[in-house]
Amino acid sequence: MGLGSKDFSPRRIEFLWVWWLELVDASAAWGACLLDKVRFVPMNQADSVFGFIDPGDVLRSCHLVPAFATGKLHTDGMVFSRNARDSEGWKQYYVNR
């Protein structure tokens, strides 16, 4: 609708749901037999979590193991977004390799 509209036909729009990760423990060297530890960047840091990305930079999958000892991300059940489904998230994760 509006200027430039051609018709009311549905259009396919592709989008990508992204959760940015940041490295927590950089001392996890391969020789030390330790796994790297990461956490999700808080959504309230708009300068580092929102914006455009190059599709070539997307990691399509990885195996993250919850660091259970660090606890749940939202112990009170309150979440930033129901669409993110982060109510079951953990504060930190190990990157399995």
N, C-alpha and C. Protein backbone atom coordinates (compact mmCIF):
# COMPACT_ATOMS: atom_id res chain seq x y z
N MET A 1 0.85 -1.17 0.00
CA MET A 1 0.00 0.00 0.00
C MET A 1 0.89 1.22 0.00
N GLY A 2 0.43 2.27 -0.58
CA GLY A 2 1.19 3.50 -0.63
C GLY A 2 1.85 3.71 -1.97
N LEU A 3 2.68 4.73 -2.07
CA LEU A 3 3.35 5.04 -3.33
C LEU A 3 4.27 3.91 -3.75
N GLY A 4 4.25 3.57 -5.02
CA GLY A 4 5.11 2.52 -5.54
C GLY A 4 4.54 1.12 -5.42
N SER A 5 3.37 0.97 -4.81
CA SER A 5 2.76 -0.35 -4.67
C SER A 5 2.29 -0.83 -6.03
N LYS A 6 2.47 -2.11 -6.30
CA LYS A 6 2.05 -2.68 -7.58
C LYS A 6 0.71 -3.39 -7.45
N ASP A 7 0.55 -4.17 -6.40
CA ASP A 7 -0.69 -4.91 -6.20
C ASP A 7 -0.72 -5.41 -4.76
N PHE A 8 -1.73 -6.18 -4.45
CA PHE A 8 -1.89 -6.71 -3.11
C PHE A 8 -1.43 -8.16 -2.98
N SER A 9 -0.64 -8.64 -3.93
CA SER A 9 -0.17 -10.02 -3.91
C SER A 9 0.81 -10.23 -2.76
N PRO A 10 0.73 -11.40 -2.13
CA PRO A 10 1.69 -11.67 -1.05
C PRO A 10 3.11 -11.80 -1.61
N ARG A 11 4.07 -11.39 -0.83
CA ARG A 11 5.48 -11.46 -1.22
C ARG A 11 6.24 -12.26 -0.18
N ARG A 12 7.21 -13.03 -0.65
CA ARG A 12 8.07 -13.77 0.27
C ARG A 12 9.23 -12.86 0.70
N ILE A 13 9.42 -12.78 2.00
CA ILE A 13 10.52 -12.00 2.56
C ILE A 13 11.32 -12.93 3.44
N GLU A 14 12.59 -13.09 3.13
CA GLU A 14 13.45 -13.93 3.93
C GLU A 14 14.17 -13.08 4.98
N PHE A 15 14.25 -13.61 6.20
CA PHE A 15 14.97 -12.92 7.26
C PHE A 15 15.72 -13.93 8.09
N LEU A 16 16.60 -13.44 8.88
CA LEU A 16 17.45 -14.30 9.69
C LEU A 16 17.38 -13.84 11.13
N TRP A 17 17.06 -14.78 12.03
CA TRP A 17 17.03 -14.49 13.46
C TRP A 17 18.43 -14.70 14.00
N VAL A 18 19.02 -13.67 14.58
CA VAL A 18 20.41 -13.73 15.01
C VAL A 18 20.51 -13.45 16.51
N TRP A 19 21.26 -14.28 17.18
CA TRP A 19 21.67 -14.00 18.56
C TRP A 19 23.18 -13.91 18.54
N TRP A 20 23.71 -12.75 18.87
CA TRP A 20 25.14 -12.54 18.87
C TRP A 20 25.77 -13.16 20.10
N LEU A 21 26.92 -13.76 19.92
CA LEU A 21 27.67 -14.35 21.03
C LEU A 21 28.96 -13.59 21.23
N GLU A 22 29.41 -13.53 22.48
CA GLU A 22 30.71 -12.94 22.78
C GLU A 22 31.52 -13.92 23.60
N LEU A 23 32.81 -13.88 23.38
CA LEU A 23 33.72 -14.78 24.08
C LEU A 23 33.86 -14.36 25.53
N VAL A 24 33.72 -15.31 26.44
CA VAL A 24 33.84 -15.04 27.87
C VAL A 24 35.22 -15.42 28.38
N ASP A 25 35.64 -16.62 28.00
CA ASP A 25 36.91 -17.15 28.51
C ASP A 25 37.86 -17.39 27.33
N ALA A 26 38.81 -16.48 27.16
CA ALA A 26 39.76 -16.60 26.05
C ALA A 26 40.95 -17.47 26.41
N SER A 27 41.03 -17.94 27.64
CA SER A 27 42.18 -18.75 28.06
C SER A 27 42.01 -20.22 27.72
N ALA A 28 40.91 -20.55 27.09
CA ALA A 28 40.64 -21.95 26.78
C ALA A 28 41.39 -22.37 25.53
N ALA A 29 42.67 -22.60 25.66
CA ALA A 29 43.50 -23.00 24.53
C ALA A 29 43.33 -24.48 24.22
N TRP A 30 43.56 -24.85 22.97
CA TRP A 30 43.42 -26.24 22.55
C TRP A 30 44.36 -27.14 23.34
N GLY A 31 45.59 -26.68 23.57
CA GLY A 31 46.56 -27.48 24.31
C GLY A 31 46.19 -27.69 25.77
N ALA A 32 45.39 -26.79 26.33
CA ALA A 32 44.97 -26.91 27.73
C ALA A 32 43.77 -27.85 27.88
N CYS A 33 43.24 -28.34 26.75
CA CYS A 33 42.09 -29.26 26.76
C CYS A 33 40.87 -28.64 27.44
N LEU A 34 40.67 -27.36 27.21
CA LEU A 34 39.50 -26.66 27.74
C LEU A 34 38.65 -26.17 26.58
N LEU A 35 37.36 -26.08 26.80
CA LEU A 35 36.45 -25.57 25.78
C LEU A 35 36.29 -24.06 25.92
N ASP A 36 36.13 -23.38 24.78
CA ASP A 36 35.84 -21.95 24.82
C ASP A 36 34.48 -21.73 25.46
N LYS A 37 34.34 -20.62 26.16
CA LYS A 37 33.08 -20.30 26.82
C LYS A 37 32.54 -19.00 26.22
N VAL A 38 31.24 -19.00 25.86
CA VAL A 38 30.60 -17.84 25.27
C VAL A 38 29.31 -17.52 26.02
N ARG A 39 28.80 -16.33 25.76
CA ARG A 39 27.49 -15.93 26.28
C ARG A 39 26.82 -15.07 25.22
N PHE A 40 25.52 -14.96 25.32
CA PHE A 40 24.78 -14.11 24.39
C PHE A 40 24.98 -12.66 24.78
N VAL A 41 25.15 -11.80 23.77
CA VAL A 41 25.28 -10.37 24.01
C VAL A 41 23.91 -9.86 24.44
N PRO A 42 23.82 -9.09 25.53
CA PRO A 42 22.52 -8.58 25.98
C PRO A 42 21.84 -7.73 24.91
N MET A 43 20.53 -7.89 24.76
CA MET A 43 19.79 -7.16 23.73
C MET A 43 19.72 -5.66 23.99
N ASN A 44 20.02 -5.22 25.21
CA ASN A 44 19.97 -3.79 25.49
C ASN A 44 21.22 -3.07 25.02
N GLN A 45 22.19 -3.78 24.46
CA GLN A 45 23.37 -3.16 23.86
C GLN A 45 23.10 -3.01 22.36
N ALA A 46 22.22 -2.06 22.02
CA ALA A 46 21.74 -1.92 20.64
C ALA A 46 22.86 -1.68 19.64
N ASP A 47 23.94 -1.03 20.06
CA ASP A 47 25.01 -0.76 19.11
C ASP A 47 25.75 -2.01 18.68
N SER A 48 25.65 -3.10 19.45
CA SER A 48 26.40 -4.30 19.10
C SER A 48 25.52 -5.49 18.72
N VAL A 49 24.20 -5.39 18.86
CA VAL A 49 23.36 -6.55 18.55
C VAL A 49 22.39 -6.32 17.41
N PHE A 50 22.17 -5.09 17.00
CA PHE A 50 21.23 -4.83 15.92
C PHE A 50 21.96 -4.20 14.75
N GLY A 51 21.57 -4.54 13.55
CA GLY A 51 22.18 -3.99 12.36
C GLY A 51 22.18 -5.02 11.24
N PHE A 52 22.82 -4.68 10.15
CA PHE A 52 22.87 -5.56 8.99
C PHE A 52 24.13 -6.39 9.03
N ILE A 53 24.02 -7.62 8.54
CA ILE A 53 25.17 -8.50 8.49
C ILE A 53 25.31 -9.08 7.09
N ASP A 54 26.51 -9.46 6.76
CA ASP A 54 26.78 -10.12 5.48
C ASP A 54 26.36 -11.58 5.62
N PRO A 55 25.49 -12.08 4.77
CA PRO A 55 25.08 -13.49 4.87
C PRO A 55 26.25 -14.47 4.81
N GLY A 56 27.36 -14.06 4.22
CA GLY A 56 28.53 -14.91 4.17
C GLY A 56 29.21 -15.08 5.51
N ASP A 57 28.88 -14.21 6.48
CA ASP A 57 29.47 -14.27 7.82
C ASP A 57 28.66 -15.13 8.78
N VAL A 58 27.58 -15.71 8.32
CA VAL A 58 26.66 -16.45 9.18
C VAL A 58 27.18 -17.87 9.42
N LEU A 59 27.28 -18.24 10.68
CA LEU A 59 27.58 -19.61 11.07
C LEU A 59 26.23 -20.31 11.19
N ARG A 60 25.99 -21.27 10.36
CA ARG A 60 24.67 -21.89 10.30
C ARG A 60 24.35 -22.77 11.47
N SER A 61 25.34 -23.38 12.05
CA SER A 61 25.07 -24.21 13.22
C SER A 61 26.36 -24.44 14.00
N CYS A 62 26.19 -24.74 15.26
CA CYS A 62 27.30 -25.11 16.12
C CYS A 62 26.71 -25.87 17.31
N HIS A 63 27.55 -26.48 18.09
CA HIS A 63 27.08 -27.24 19.24
C HIS A 63 27.48 -26.50 20.50
N LEU A 64 26.51 -25.91 21.16
CA LEU A 64 26.74 -25.20 22.41
C LEU A 64 26.23 -26.06 23.56
N VAL A 65 27.06 -26.21 24.58
CA VAL A 65 26.71 -27.00 25.76
C VAL A 65 26.48 -26.03 26.91
N PRO A 66 25.32 -26.03 27.54
CA PRO A 66 25.08 -25.11 28.65
C PRO A 66 26.11 -25.29 29.77
N ALA A 67 26.59 -24.17 30.28
CA ALA A 67 27.46 -24.18 31.46
C ALA A 67 26.51 -24.13 32.66
N PHE A 68 26.04 -25.29 33.08
CA PHE A 68 25.00 -25.38 34.10
C PHE A 68 25.37 -24.68 35.40
N ALA A 69 26.64 -24.67 35.75
CA ALA A 69 27.08 -24.07 37.01
C ALA A 69 26.88 -22.55 37.03
N THR A 70 26.78 -21.91 35.85
CA THR A 70 26.60 -20.46 35.81
C THR A 70 25.16 -20.06 36.05
N GLY A 71 24.23 -20.98 35.89
CA GLY A 71 22.82 -20.71 36.17
C GLY A 71 22.03 -20.27 34.95
N LYS A 72 20.73 -20.15 35.16
CA LYS A 72 19.81 -19.73 34.10
C LYS A 72 19.97 -18.24 33.81
N LEU A 73 19.66 -17.87 32.58
CA LEU A 73 19.73 -16.48 32.16
C LEU A 73 18.64 -15.65 32.84
N HIS A 74 17.45 -16.20 32.93
CA HIS A 74 16.31 -15.50 33.54
C HIS A 74 15.74 -16.36 34.66
N THR A 75 16.24 -16.20 35.86
CA THR A 75 15.78 -17.01 36.98
C THR A 75 14.36 -16.64 37.41
N ASP A 76 13.94 -15.41 37.10
CA ASP A 76 12.60 -14.98 37.49
C ASP A 76 11.55 -15.27 36.43
N GLY A 77 11.97 -15.85 35.30
CA GLY A 77 11.02 -16.18 34.24
C GLY A 77 10.71 -15.02 33.31
N MET A 78 11.19 -13.83 33.63
CA MET A 78 10.97 -12.65 32.79
C MET A 78 11.94 -12.71 31.62
N VAL A 79 11.44 -12.45 30.42
CA VAL A 79 12.27 -12.50 29.23
C VAL A 79 12.15 -11.19 28.48
N PHE A 80 13.14 -10.93 27.64
CA PHE A 80 13.14 -9.70 26.84
C PHE A 80 12.13 -9.81 25.71
N SER A 81 12.06 -10.98 25.09
CA SER A 81 11.17 -11.19 23.95
C SER A 81 10.66 -12.62 23.96
N ARG A 82 9.34 -12.79 23.88
CA ARG A 82 8.80 -14.14 23.79
C ARG A 82 9.18 -14.79 22.47
N ASN A 83 9.37 -13.98 21.43
CA ASN A 83 9.76 -14.53 20.13
C ASN A 83 11.15 -15.14 20.18
N ALA A 84 12.03 -14.62 21.03
CA ALA A 84 13.39 -15.15 21.14
C ALA A 84 13.42 -16.48 21.85
N ARG A 85 12.38 -16.80 22.59
CA ARG A 85 12.29 -18.05 23.35
C ARG A 85 13.51 -18.26 24.23
N ASP A 86 13.92 -17.20 24.91
CA ASP A 86 15.12 -17.28 25.74
C ASP A 86 14.82 -17.55 27.21
N SER A 87 13.60 -17.92 27.53
CA SER A 87 13.26 -18.18 28.93
C SER A 87 13.99 -19.40 29.48
N GLU A 88 14.42 -20.30 28.62
CA GLU A 88 15.13 -21.50 29.05
C GLU A 88 16.64 -21.37 28.84
N GLY A 89 17.10 -20.18 28.51
CA GLY A 89 18.52 -19.98 28.22
C GLY A 89 19.40 -19.99 29.46
N TRP A 90 20.66 -20.26 29.25
CA TRP A 90 21.66 -20.28 30.31
C TRP A 90 22.56 -19.06 30.18
N LYS A 91 23.21 -18.68 31.28
CA LYS A 91 24.07 -17.49 31.26
C LYS A 91 25.27 -17.67 30.36
N GLN A 92 25.84 -18.86 30.34
CA GLN A 92 27.02 -19.12 29.52
C GLN A 92 26.94 -20.51 28.90
N TYR A 93 27.70 -20.68 27.83
CA TYR A 93 27.74 -21.96 27.11
C TYR A 93 29.18 -22.30 26.77
N TYR A 94 29.45 -23.59 26.68
CA TYR A 94 30.73 -24.07 26.17
C TYR A 94 30.57 -24.37 24.68
N VAL A 95 31.58 -24.02 23.89
CA VAL A 95 31.58 -24.34 22.46
C VAL A 95 32.23 -25.70 22.30
N ASN A 96 31.42 -26.68 21.95
CA ASN A 96 31.92 -28.04 21.81
C ASN A 96 32.69 -28.18 20.50
N ARG A 97 33.81 -28.88 20.57
CA ARG A 97 34.59 -29.13 19.34
C ARG A 97 35.08 -30.56 19.31
